[in-house]
Amino acid sequence: MVRRTSLIVGFLMLAAACAGPGGEVAEPPSLTIDVSTTTSTSTTVPTTTTTTLPGGGVLIAQCGRAEFAFGTIEPAGAPLDEEAQRAFDQAGEAVADEQGPFEQDGETVADEWFGEGSAFGGGWEWVVVERDDARMVLLGEGPNGYADVTIERDGDTWQPAGWGGCRLITATTVAGFGTGAWITDPDSPPDPQSSTLDVLVMERACASGQPPVGREIRPVVLSGEEVLEIVVLIEAPAGIAQTCQSNPWHPTTIDVGQPIGERTLVDRHVSPGLVRPWPPTETSMGSLGGEE
């Protein structure tokens, strides 16, 4: 189900302090806060229902390798037909042959994701969300939330190319940028009369534990009458190889283009979005911003 709400999309750029869709996500952070604050400048575009961004690129919803329209909170796809079911069964058999009881780090992975005593994906509701002659991406819903499975053709059979649990996050097709979580700055309460908001941002992608100093931050502001939603885009670090230790929180001031008022502040790096109160909660500070 795609939520359709008229939004004012503000594309905000700031200089200073990623992985694209499908990239690795950094480990949960320590409570380190980078001290070099950056400030944004605002560009506003007309009211629109699209998430196309100035300069090209869009926002999308993503669960593992499965992609959907931005705003999706209930992913949908095509039911498994005979060929898709055969591919899925062959992928499960290949995983069983290679991993036995699906053990990883001493734990039974099938039990963890698919339920105790279950076969690969057994008992979950699976749909096909992407498909061509050589590749399928399936999304399943079960007792632990969502999981995705990528299957690739190998001659006359199908082989698993990746699988695991996932959560609906916001990603972008803007080249060289990934998304980050944000929370309100614990040292700076929002001023309803102000058009600027002090926040702490954190990259979701691997960045070798470094803050985004010297890299561009582009908050996308979705402004409604009662809700102010923000997606933070962060320029990827230079170079290809990045390690995945914790990334620090980085202070940033976002110009939302109009007085904040009494609107609810929402971080849309996940779907549904997370309400960001002031002061921020301890769980949000310690969970990569993944909790309210």
Protein backbone atom coordinates (compact mmCIF):
# COMPACT_ATOMS: atom_id res chain seq x y z
CA MET A 1 0.00 0.00 0.00
CA VAL A 2 1.52 3.31 -1.01
CA ARG A 3 0.60 6.33 1.03
CA ARG A 4 -0.18 9.32 -1.18
CA THR A 5 -0.03 12.66 0.63
CA SER A 6 0.53 16.09 -0.88
CA LEU A 7 3.97 17.12 0.31
CA ILE A 8 6.24 20.11 -0.06
CA VAL A 9 9.62 18.63 -0.84
CA GLY A 10 12.51 20.79 0.32
CA PHE A 11 15.87 19.64 -1.03
CA LEU A 12 18.41 21.02 1.40
CA MET A 13 22.14 21.02 0.75
CA LEU A 14 24.94 21.56 3.18
CA ALA A 15 28.65 21.39 2.84
CA ALA A 16 30.61 19.34 5.34
CA ALA A 17 30.23 16.18 7.06
CA CYS A 18 26.67 5.21 2.22
CA ALA A 19 26.14 2.72 0.51
CA GLY A 20 23.57 2.72 -2.25
CA PRO A 21 20.61 0.38 -2.31
CA GLY A 22 21.64 -3.04 -1.12
CA GLY A 23 24.83 -1.83 0.63
CA GLU A 24 26.04 -2.99 4.01
CA VAL A 25 24.79 -1.28 7.16
CA ALA A 26 27.15 -0.24 9.91
CA GLU A 27 27.03 -1.84 13.35
CA PRO A 28 24.98 -0.14 16.13
CA PRO A 29 26.89 2.92 17.34
CA SER A 30 28.52 4.04 20.50
CA LEU A 31 27.27 7.35 21.87
CA THR A 32 30.20 9.27 20.37
CA ILE A 33 29.14 12.68 19.02
CA ASP A 34 31.27 14.50 16.48
CA VAL A 35 31.70 18.13 17.59
CA SER A 36 31.98 19.91 14.22
CA THR A 37 28.51 21.25 13.41
CA THR A 38 27.38 22.03 9.86
CA THR A 39 24.57 24.30 8.68
CA SER A 40 22.19 23.85 5.77
CA THR A 41 20.83 26.16 3.10
CA SER A 42 17.37 25.55 1.72
CA THR A 43 15.88 25.16 -1.74
CA THR A 44 12.11 24.64 -1.96
CA VAL A 45 10.22 23.10 -4.87
CA PRO A 46 6.45 23.31 -5.54
CA THR A 47 3.91 21.13 -3.77
CA THR A 48 3.97 17.67 -5.30
CA THR A 49 3.06 14.04 -4.70
CA THR A 50 6.27 12.74 -6.26
CA THR A 51 9.58 12.08 -4.56
CA THR A 52 11.69 13.04 -7.58
CA LEU A 53 14.50 15.23 -6.28
CA PRO A 54 16.05 18.35 -7.81
CA GLY A 55 19.08 17.39 -9.86
CA GLY A 56 17.78 13.87 -10.56
CA GLY A 57 17.20 10.75 -8.51
CA VAL A 58 14.31 9.61 -6.35
CA LEU A 59 13.56 8.19 -2.94
CA ILE A 60 12.60 4.52 -2.77
CA ALA A 61 11.59 2.00 -0.10
CA GLN A 62 13.82 -1.03 0.21
CA CYS A 63 13.79 -4.30 2.16
CA GLY A 64 17.06 -6.11 1.53
CA ARG A 65 17.29 -6.31 -2.28
CA ALA A 66 13.54 -5.83 -2.75
CA GLU A 67 12.59 -2.31 -3.91
CA PHE A 68 9.25 -0.49 -3.75
CA ALA A 69 7.82 3.00 -4.22
CA PHE A 70 8.70 5.46 -1.47
CA GLY A 71 5.90 5.55 1.09
CA THR A 72 5.23 1.82 0.90
CA ILE A 73 4.45 0.36 4.33
CA GLU A 74 2.81 -2.89 3.20
CA PRO A 75 4.99 -4.46 0.46
CA ALA A 76 3.21 -6.43 -2.23
CA GLY A 77 4.22 -8.67 -5.12
CA ALA A 78 3.04 -11.47 -7.38
CA PRO A 79 2.16 -14.88 -5.88
CA LEU A 80 4.66 -17.65 -6.55
CA ASP A 81 3.79 -19.50 -9.75
CA GLU A 82 5.08 -22.99 -10.55
CA GLU A 83 8.47 -21.81 -11.81
CA ALA A 84 9.01 -19.40 -8.90
CA GLN A 85 8.09 -22.12 -6.41
CA ARG A 86 10.52 -24.53 -8.09
CA ALA A 87 13.28 -21.89 -7.94
CA PHE A 88 12.55 -21.22 -4.27
CA ASP A 89 12.59 -24.93 -3.41
CA GLN A 90 15.89 -25.44 -5.23
CA ALA A 91 17.43 -22.49 -3.37
CA GLY A 92 16.35 -24.01 -0.07
CA GLU A 93 17.81 -27.37 -1.00
CA ALA A 94 21.12 -25.74 -1.96
CA VAL A 95 21.31 -23.89 1.37
CA ALA A 96 20.53 -27.12 3.25
CA ASP A 97 23.23 -29.04 1.35
CA GLU A 98 25.83 -26.36 2.10
CA GLN A 99 24.91 -25.40 5.67
CA GLY A 100 23.24 -28.50 7.04
CA PRO A 101 20.82 -27.31 9.74
CA PHE A 102 21.42 -23.68 8.68
CA GLU A 103 23.90 -23.01 11.47
CA GLN A 104 25.68 -19.68 11.72
CA ASP A 105 27.79 -18.59 14.68
CA GLY A 106 26.53 -21.60 16.59
CA GLU A 107 22.86 -20.76 16.06
CA THR A 108 20.31 -22.36 13.79
CA VAL A 109 19.58 -19.68 11.22
CA ALA A 110 16.41 -21.32 9.92
CA ASP A 111 15.00 -21.36 13.45
CA GLU A 112 15.99 -17.72 13.98
CA TRP A 113 14.38 -16.37 10.82
CA PHE A 114 11.72 -18.84 9.78
CA GLY A 115 10.58 -20.45 13.04
CA GLU A 116 11.75 -23.39 15.10
CA GLY A 117 11.85 -26.62 13.12
CA SER A 118 11.05 -24.88 9.83
CA ALA A 119 12.66 -25.63 6.51
CA PHE A 120 14.10 -22.77 4.44
CA GLY A 121 11.30 -20.19 4.36
CA GLY A 122 8.71 -22.71 5.48
CA GLY A 123 5.43 -21.29 6.71
CA TRP A 124 6.11 -17.76 5.45
CA GLU A 125 4.03 -15.86 2.90
CA TRP A 126 6.27 -15.29 -0.14
CA VAL A 127 5.76 -13.05 -3.17
CA VAL A 128 7.90 -12.22 -6.21
CA VAL A 129 8.88 -8.54 -6.31
CA GLU A 130 11.48 -8.64 -9.12
CA ARG A 131 11.98 -11.15 -11.89
CA ASP A 132 13.66 -11.80 -15.23
CA ASP A 133 15.00 -14.88 -17.00
CA ALA A 134 18.14 -14.96 -14.87
CA ARG A 135 17.13 -13.63 -11.45
CA MET A 136 14.29 -13.47 -8.93
CA VAL A 137 13.89 -11.43 -5.76
CA LEU A 138 11.33 -12.78 -3.31
CA LEU A 139 9.99 -11.13 -0.17
CA GLY A 140 8.49 -13.12 2.69
CA GLU A 141 6.43 -12.08 5.70
CA GLY A 142 6.41 -14.20 8.83
CA PRO A 143 6.58 -14.17 12.62
CA ASN A 144 9.87 -12.24 12.63
CA GLY A 145 8.82 -9.55 10.15
CA TYR A 146 10.24 -9.60 6.62
CA ALA A 147 12.95 -11.58 4.86
CA ASP A 148 14.21 -11.40 1.28
CA VAL A 149 15.70 -14.11 -0.91
CA THR A 150 17.60 -13.53 -4.16
CA ILE A 151 17.77 -16.51 -6.53
CA GLU A 152 19.83 -16.72 -9.73
CA ARG A 153 19.61 -19.19 -12.61
CA ASP A 154 22.49 -21.63 -13.05
CA GLY A 155 21.83 -23.57 -16.24
CA ASP A 156 18.62 -25.53 -15.71
CA THR A 157 18.54 -24.96 -11.95
CA TRP A 158 18.28 -22.06 -9.53
CA GLN A 159 20.79 -21.18 -6.81
CA PRO A 160 20.51 -18.84 -3.81
CA ALA A 161 22.48 -15.59 -4.18
CA GLY A 162 21.58 -14.06 -0.81
CA TRP A 163 18.92 -14.15 1.88
CA GLY A 164 18.13 -12.83 5.35
CA GLY A 165 15.84 -10.70 7.44
CA CYS A 166 15.14 -7.13 6.37
CA ARG A 167 13.28 -3.99 7.34
CA LEU A 168 11.68 -1.39 5.11
CA ILE A 169 14.16 1.48 4.89
CA THR A 170 14.37 4.58 2.73
CA ALA A 171 17.05 4.52 0.04
CA THR A 172 17.84 6.79 -2.89
CA THR A 173 18.92 6.55 -6.50
CA VAL A 174 20.86 9.83 -6.22
CA ALA A 175 24.34 8.85 -7.39
CA GLY A 176 26.96 8.77 -4.64
CA PHE A 177 24.53 9.20 -1.73
CA GLY A 178 23.04 6.96 0.94
CA THR A 179 20.59 7.65 3.75
CA GLY A 180 21.15 8.30 7.42
CA ALA A 181 19.15 8.27 10.62
CA TRP A 182 18.59 11.44 12.62
CA ILE A 183 17.41 12.43 16.09
CA THR A 184 16.85 15.80 17.74
CA ASP A 185 19.93 17.40 19.28
CA PRO A 186 19.73 16.76 23.05
CA ASP A 187 21.40 20.14 23.70
CA SER A 188 19.09 22.20 21.48
CA PRO A 189 15.30 21.97 21.84
CA PRO A 190 13.26 22.77 18.69
CA ASP A 191 11.92 26.32 18.59
CA PRO A 192 8.38 26.42 17.10
CA GLN A 193 9.03 29.95 15.78
CA SER A 194 12.27 28.96 14.01
CA SER A 195 12.73 27.52 10.53
CA THR A 196 15.91 25.70 11.54
CA LEU A 197 16.21 22.43 13.42
CA ASP A 198 19.32 21.17 15.22
CA VAL A 199 19.73 17.41 14.84
CA LEU A 200 22.29 14.63 15.10
CA VAL A 201 22.68 12.51 11.96
CA MET A 202 24.33 9.13 11.49
CA GLU A 203 25.18 7.22 8.33
CA ARG A 204 23.54 3.83 7.96
CA ALA A 205 26.22 2.66 5.53
CA CYS A 206 29.77 1.63 6.29
CA ALA A 207 32.03 4.68 6.67
CA SER A 208 35.04 3.37 8.62
CA GLY A 209 33.65 4.93 11.78
CA GLN A 210 34.19 8.46 10.49
CA PRO A 211 31.72 11.39 10.66
CA PRO A 212 30.64 12.95 7.34
CA VAL A 213 32.94 15.97 7.72
CA GLY A 214 33.82 17.45 4.33
CA ARG A 215 31.02 15.53 2.62
CA GLU A 216 27.65 16.85 1.47
CA ILE A 217 24.49 16.30 3.49
CA ARG A 218 21.17 16.77 1.68
CA PRO A 219 18.12 16.63 3.93
CA VAL A 220 14.87 16.10 2.05
CA VAL A 221 12.03 17.81 3.92
CA LEU A 222 8.45 16.55 3.46
CA SER A 223 6.27 19.23 4.98
CA GLY A 224 2.65 18.65 5.99
CA GLU A 225 0.23 20.62 8.16
CA GLU A 226 0.67 18.39 11.20
CA VAL A 227 3.84 16.43 10.43
CA LEU A 228 7.35 17.44 9.39
CA GLU A 229 9.18 14.45 7.88
CA ILE A 230 12.87 14.49 7.01
CA VAL A 231 15.03 12.05 5.05
CA VAL A 232 18.76 12.76 5.38
CA LEU A 233 20.95 11.94 2.37
CA ILE A 234 24.69 11.72 3.02
CA GLU A 235 27.43 11.71 0.40
CA ALA A 236 29.41 8.46 0.40
CA PRO A 237 33.03 8.60 1.59
CA ALA A 238 35.76 8.63 -1.04
CA GLY A 239 37.24 5.27 -1.98
CA ILE A 240 35.64 1.86 -2.26
CA ALA A 241 36.80 -0.06 0.81
CA GLN A 242 35.11 1.04 4.04
CA THR A 243 35.03 -0.86 7.30
CA CYS A 244 31.78 -1.25 9.21
CA GLN A 245 32.40 -0.29 12.80
CA SER A 246 30.09 2.17 14.53
CA ASN A 247 29.60 5.59 12.94
CA PRO A 248 29.37 8.64 15.24
CA TRP A 249 26.47 11.03 15.58
CA HIS A 250 27.20 14.27 13.74
CA PRO A 251 25.57 17.65 14.64
CA THR A 252 23.79 19.31 11.73
CA THR A 253 21.40 22.26 11.45
CA ILE A 254 18.60 21.77 8.93
CA ASP A 255 16.78 24.73 7.42
CA VAL A 256 13.23 23.45 6.80
CA GLY A 257 12.19 26.62 4.96
CA GLN A 258 9.31 27.64 7.25
CA PRO A 259 8.57 27.82 11.01
CA ILE A 260 8.52 24.40 12.62
CA GLY A 261 5.43 25.20 14.66
CA GLU A 262 3.90 22.43 16.75
CA ARG A 263 4.25 19.78 14.05
CA THR A 264 5.36 16.25 14.88
CA LEU A 265 8.95 15.58 13.79
CA VAL A 266 9.42 12.28 11.93
CA ASP A 267 12.56 10.54 10.69
CA ARG A 268 11.71 8.77 7.41
CA HIS A 269 14.87 6.68 7.07
CA VAL A 270 12.51 3.75 7.76
CA SER A 271 8.88 3.01 6.85
CA PRO A 272 6.73 3.77 8.75
CA GLY A 273 8.69 6.76 9.97
CA LEU A 274 9.91 7.24 13.54
CA VAL A 275 8.63 10.12 15.65
CA ARG A 276 11.61 12.10 16.96
CA PRO A 277 10.75 13.77 20.29
CA TRP A 278 12.90 16.16 22.25
CA PRO A 279 14.90 15.21 24.15
CA PRO A 280 15.79 12.08 22.15
CA THR A 281 15.19 8.74 23.82
CA GLU A 282 18.06 6.63 25.11
CA THR A 283 17.02 3.75 22.83
CA SER A 284 17.24 5.95 19.73
CA MET A 285 20.69 7.19 20.79
CA GLY A 286 21.99 3.64 21.16
CA SER A 287 20.36 1.81 18.25
CA LEU A 288 21.63 3.57 15.10
CA GLY A 289 18.56 5.75 15.46
CA GLY A 290 16.46 2.67 14.74
CA GLU A 291 14.13 3.11 17.71
CA GLU A 292 11.98 5.98 18.91
